[in-house]
């Protein structure tokens, strides 16, 4: 089952201090669909933000046990992609925050 829409591949940005420290080196972090491949992620980022992607690193994040009162559960699994752009490219969403 192939993912067609680029907006279905990119779920959202990673909002953390560590992810924002990479913005100066043109490295941006996104949560992506678990089934997405590196080539699909590259195409989706290039289509959505009109930039040139040089490199992609992906990592699968395991679910962790969570607890709220007496109920015990787990957080959901996620996939994170760190995208490196060319020197002249930037994503304004990260720059403005």
N, C-alpha and C. Protein backbone atom coordinates (compact mmCIF):
# COMPACT_ATOMS: atom_id res chain seq x y z
N UNK A 1 0.84 -1.17 0.00
CA UNK A 1 0.00 0.00 0.00
C UNK A 1 0.89 1.24 0.00
N UNK A 2 0.87 1.97 -1.07
CA UNK A 2 1.71 3.16 -1.20
C UNK A 2 0.98 4.38 -0.65
N UNK A 3 1.73 5.27 -0.04
CA UNK A 3 1.18 6.51 0.48
C UNK A 3 1.28 7.54 -0.64
N UNK A 4 0.14 8.12 -1.01
CA UNK A 4 0.09 9.01 -2.17
C UNK A 4 0.34 10.47 -1.82
N UNK A 5 -0.37 10.99 -0.83
CA UNK A 5 -0.35 12.40 -0.52
C UNK A 5 0.87 12.76 0.35
N UNK A 6 1.65 13.78 -0.01
CA UNK A 6 2.81 14.16 0.81
C UNK A 6 2.42 14.60 2.22
N UNK A 7 1.23 15.15 2.38
CA UNK A 7 0.78 15.59 3.71
C UNK A 7 0.39 14.41 4.60
N UNK A 8 0.20 13.23 4.02
CA UNK A 8 -0.03 12.03 4.83
C UNK A 8 1.28 11.44 5.33
N UNK A 9 2.38 11.75 4.67
CA UNK A 9 3.68 11.23 5.08
C UNK A 9 4.25 12.05 6.23
N UNK A 10 4.24 13.37 6.09
CA UNK A 10 4.77 14.26 7.13
C UNK A 10 3.65 14.52 8.14
N UNK A 11 3.80 13.99 9.36
CA UNK A 11 2.77 14.16 10.38
C UNK A 11 2.90 15.52 11.06
N UNK A 12 4.12 15.90 11.41
CA UNK A 12 4.31 17.20 12.05
C UNK A 12 5.76 17.41 12.43
N UNK A 13 6.11 18.63 12.84
CA UNK A 13 7.48 18.90 13.24
C UNK A 13 7.76 18.38 14.65
N UNK A 14 9.02 18.13 14.93
CA UNK A 14 9.44 17.76 16.27
C UNK A 14 9.73 19.06 17.02
N UNK A 15 9.00 19.29 18.09
CA UNK A 15 9.16 20.51 18.87
C UNK A 15 9.96 20.16 20.12
N UNK A 16 11.25 20.44 20.07
CA UNK A 16 12.11 20.22 21.23
C UNK A 16 13.33 21.12 21.12
N UNK A 17 14.01 21.26 22.22
CA UNK A 17 15.20 22.11 22.23
C UNK A 17 16.30 21.54 21.34
N UNK A 18 16.42 20.23 21.35
CA UNK A 18 17.45 19.57 20.54
C UNK A 18 17.16 19.72 19.05
N UNK A 19 15.90 19.62 18.66
CA UNK A 19 15.58 19.75 17.24
C UNK A 19 15.79 21.17 16.75
N UNK A 20 15.52 22.17 17.59
CA UNK A 20 15.73 23.55 17.18
C UNK A 20 17.20 23.95 17.17
N UNK A 21 18.05 23.20 17.86
CA UNK A 21 19.48 23.51 17.82
C UNK A 21 20.08 23.15 16.46
N UNK A 22 19.46 22.26 15.72
CA UNK A 22 19.95 21.87 14.40
C UNK A 22 19.50 22.77 13.27
N UNK A 23 18.63 23.75 13.56
CA UNK A 23 18.11 24.63 12.52
C UNK A 23 19.23 25.46 11.89
N UNK A 24 20.23 25.85 12.68
CA UNK A 24 21.33 26.66 12.15
C UNK A 24 22.21 25.87 11.19
N UNK A 25 22.24 24.54 11.33
CA UNK A 25 22.99 23.70 10.39
C UNK A 25 22.11 23.17 9.27
N UNK A 26 20.90 23.75 9.11
CA UNK A 26 19.94 23.35 8.07
C UNK A 26 19.46 21.92 8.26
N UNK A 27 19.28 21.51 9.54
CA UNK A 27 18.76 20.19 9.85
C UNK A 27 17.42 20.36 10.55
N UNK A 28 16.37 19.75 9.98
CA UNK A 28 15.01 19.90 10.48
C UNK A 28 14.46 18.51 10.80
N UNK A 29 13.71 18.41 11.90
CA UNK A 29 13.18 17.13 12.36
C UNK A 29 11.66 17.08 12.21
N UNK A 30 11.17 15.94 11.73
CA UNK A 30 9.74 15.74 11.53
C UNK A 30 9.34 14.37 12.05
N UNK A 31 8.09 14.25 12.55
CA UNK A 31 7.49 12.96 12.77
C UNK A 31 6.84 12.55 11.45
N UNK A 32 7.08 11.31 11.03
CA UNK A 32 6.57 10.83 9.75
C UNK A 32 5.79 9.54 9.95
N UNK A 33 5.08 9.12 8.92
CA UNK A 33 4.31 7.89 8.95
C UNK A 33 5.26 6.71 9.13
N UNK A 34 4.82 5.71 9.90
CA UNK A 34 5.68 4.55 10.18
C UNK A 34 6.04 3.76 8.92
N UNK A 35 5.18 3.79 7.90
CA UNK A 35 5.41 3.01 6.68
C UNK A 35 6.22 3.75 5.63
N UNK A 36 6.53 5.03 5.87
CA UNK A 36 7.20 5.86 4.86
C UNK A 36 8.67 5.49 4.72
N UNK A 37 9.14 5.47 3.48
CA UNK A 37 10.54 5.21 3.20
C UNK A 37 11.29 6.55 3.07
N UNK A 38 12.61 6.47 3.03
CA UNK A 38 13.41 7.70 2.92
C UNK A 38 13.13 8.44 1.61
N UNK A 39 12.95 7.71 0.53
CA UNK A 39 12.67 8.38 -0.74
C UNK A 39 11.31 9.05 -0.73
N UNK A 40 10.31 8.45 -0.08
CA UNK A 40 9.00 9.07 0.04
C UNK A 40 9.06 10.32 0.92
N UNK A 41 9.83 10.26 2.00
CA UNK A 41 9.99 11.42 2.89
C UNK A 41 10.68 12.55 2.15
N UNK A 42 11.72 12.23 1.40
CA UNK A 42 12.44 13.25 0.63
C UNK A 42 11.51 13.95 -0.36
N UNK A 43 10.74 13.17 -1.09
CA UNK A 43 9.82 13.74 -2.08
C UNK A 43 8.75 14.60 -1.40
N UNK A 44 8.25 14.14 -0.26
CA UNK A 44 7.20 14.89 0.46
C UNK A 44 7.72 16.23 0.97
N UNK A 45 8.92 16.25 1.54
CA UNK A 45 9.50 17.50 2.05
C UNK A 45 9.78 18.45 0.90
N UNK A 46 10.30 17.94 -0.21
CA UNK A 46 10.58 18.80 -1.36
C UNK A 46 9.29 19.35 -1.97
N UNK A 47 8.22 18.57 -2.00
CA UNK A 47 6.95 19.04 -2.56
C UNK A 47 6.28 20.06 -1.65
N UNK A 48 6.26 19.82 -0.36
CA UNK A 48 5.54 20.70 0.57
C UNK A 48 6.25 22.02 0.75
N UNK A 49 7.58 21.99 0.96
CA UNK A 49 8.32 23.20 1.33
C UNK A 49 9.14 23.82 0.20
N UNK A 50 9.16 23.21 -0.99
CA UNK A 50 9.91 23.71 -2.15
C UNK A 50 11.39 23.94 -1.82
N UNK A 51 12.03 22.90 -1.31
CA UNK A 51 13.45 22.95 -0.96
C UNK A 51 14.16 21.75 -1.58
N UNK A 52 15.49 21.74 -1.53
CA UNK A 52 16.31 20.63 -2.03
C UNK A 52 16.86 19.87 -0.83
N UNK A 53 16.51 18.59 -0.71
CA UNK A 53 16.95 17.75 0.41
C UNK A 53 18.25 17.06 0.03
N UNK A 54 19.26 17.19 0.90
CA UNK A 54 20.55 16.54 0.66
C UNK A 54 20.66 15.18 1.34
N UNK A 55 20.16 15.08 2.58
CA UNK A 55 20.33 13.85 3.35
C UNK A 55 19.14 13.65 4.27
N UNK A 56 18.81 12.39 4.55
CA UNK A 56 17.74 12.04 5.48
C UNK A 56 18.24 10.94 6.40
N UNK A 57 17.99 11.13 7.70
CA UNK A 57 18.24 10.09 8.70
C UNK A 57 16.91 9.79 9.38
N UNK A 58 16.59 8.51 9.50
CA UNK A 58 15.34 8.14 10.15
C UNK A 58 15.63 7.28 11.37
N UNK A 59 14.72 7.33 12.33
CA UNK A 59 14.82 6.46 13.50
C UNK A 59 13.43 6.12 13.99
N UNK A 60 13.27 4.88 14.40
CA UNK A 60 12.01 4.42 14.96
C UNK A 60 12.06 4.61 16.46
N UNK A 61 11.04 5.25 17.01
CA UNK A 61 10.98 5.52 18.44
C UNK A 61 10.01 4.51 19.06
N UNK A 62 10.50 3.72 20.02
CA UNK A 62 9.69 2.71 20.66
C UNK A 62 8.63 3.35 21.55
N UNK A 63 7.56 2.62 21.81
CA UNK A 63 6.56 3.11 22.75
C UNK A 63 7.10 2.93 24.18
N UNK A 64 6.70 3.82 25.06
CA UNK A 64 7.17 3.79 26.44
C UNK A 64 5.99 3.59 27.38
N UNK A 65 6.22 2.93 28.50
CA UNK A 65 5.11 2.77 29.44
C UNK A 65 4.75 4.11 30.08
N UNK A 66 3.46 4.37 30.17
CA UNK A 66 2.95 5.61 30.78
C UNK A 66 1.92 5.23 31.83
N UNK A 67 1.74 6.12 32.79
CA UNK A 67 0.81 5.85 33.87
C UNK A 67 0.08 7.14 34.24
N UNK A 68 -1.21 7.05 34.41
CA UNK A 68 -2.02 8.17 34.87
C UNK A 68 -2.94 7.63 35.96
N UNK A 69 -2.59 7.90 37.20
CA UNK A 69 -3.35 7.34 38.31
C UNK A 69 -3.16 5.84 38.38
N UNK A 70 -4.28 5.12 38.40
CA UNK A 70 -4.19 3.66 38.45
C UNK A 70 -4.13 3.01 37.08
N UNK A 71 -4.45 3.76 36.05
CA UNK A 71 -4.45 3.17 34.70
C UNK A 71 -3.05 3.19 34.11
N UNK A 72 -2.70 2.07 33.51
CA UNK A 72 -1.38 1.89 32.92
C UNK A 72 -1.56 1.70 31.42
N UNK A 73 -0.72 2.36 30.65
CA UNK A 73 -0.79 2.24 29.20
C UNK A 73 0.57 2.43 28.59
N UNK A 74 0.59 2.67 27.31
CA UNK A 74 1.84 2.90 26.59
C UNK A 74 1.64 4.06 25.64
N UNK A 75 2.72 4.80 25.38
CA UNK A 75 2.68 5.84 24.37
C UNK A 75 2.76 5.17 23.00
N UNK A 76 2.40 5.88 21.96
CA UNK A 76 2.39 5.28 20.63
C UNK A 76 3.79 5.27 20.03
N UNK A 77 4.01 4.31 19.13
CA UNK A 77 5.27 4.26 18.40
C UNK A 77 5.31 5.41 17.42
N UNK A 78 6.51 5.88 17.09
CA UNK A 78 6.67 6.97 16.14
C UNK A 78 7.90 6.74 15.29
N UNK A 79 7.95 7.45 14.19
CA UNK A 79 9.13 7.44 13.34
C UNK A 79 9.54 8.89 13.15
N UNK A 80 10.82 9.17 13.36
CA UNK A 80 11.33 10.52 13.25
C UNK A 80 12.32 10.58 12.10
N UNK A 81 12.22 11.66 11.33
CA UNK A 81 13.13 11.88 10.21
C UNK A 81 13.85 13.21 10.42
N UNK A 82 15.18 13.19 10.30
CA UNK A 82 15.98 14.40 10.36
C UNK A 82 16.45 14.68 8.93
N UNK A 83 16.03 15.84 8.41
CA UNK A 83 16.26 16.20 7.02
C UNK A 83 17.31 17.30 6.95
N UNK A 84 18.34 17.11 6.12
CA UNK A 84 19.37 18.12 5.91
C UNK A 84 19.14 18.77 4.56
N UNK A 85 19.11 20.10 4.56
CA UNK A 85 18.84 20.86 3.34
C UNK A 85 20.12 21.46 2.80
N UNK A 86 20.02 22.00 1.57
CA UNK A 86 21.14 22.70 0.96
C UNK A 86 21.41 24.04 1.66
N UNK A 87 22.52 24.68 1.30
CA UNK A 87 22.94 25.91 1.97
C UNK A 87 21.95 27.06 1.78
N UNK A 88 21.36 27.19 0.62
CA UNK A 88 20.48 28.31 0.34
C UNK A 88 19.03 28.05 0.74
N UNK A 89 18.68 26.83 1.04
CA UNK A 89 17.30 26.49 1.38
C UNK A 89 17.05 26.63 2.87
N UNK A 90 15.78 26.94 3.21
CA UNK A 90 15.36 26.97 4.60
C UNK A 90 13.86 26.76 4.66
N UNK A 91 13.38 26.32 5.82
CA UNK A 91 11.96 26.14 6.04
C UNK A 91 11.51 27.24 6.99
N UNK A 92 10.65 28.11 6.49
CA UNK A 92 10.24 29.28 7.25
C UNK A 92 9.47 28.95 8.51
N UNK A 93 8.82 27.80 8.55
CA UNK A 93 8.06 27.41 9.74
C UNK A 93 8.96 27.35 10.97
N UNK A 94 10.15 26.78 10.81
CA UNK A 94 11.09 26.65 11.92
C UNK A 94 11.79 27.95 12.23
N UNK A 95 12.03 28.75 11.22
CA UNK A 95 12.77 30.00 11.39
C UNK A 95 11.95 31.04 12.16
N UNK A 96 10.63 31.03 12.00
CA UNK A 96 9.80 32.07 12.60
C UNK A 96 9.48 31.81 14.07
N UNK A 97 9.62 30.58 14.55
CA UNK A 97 9.27 30.28 15.93
C UNK A 97 10.37 30.62 16.87
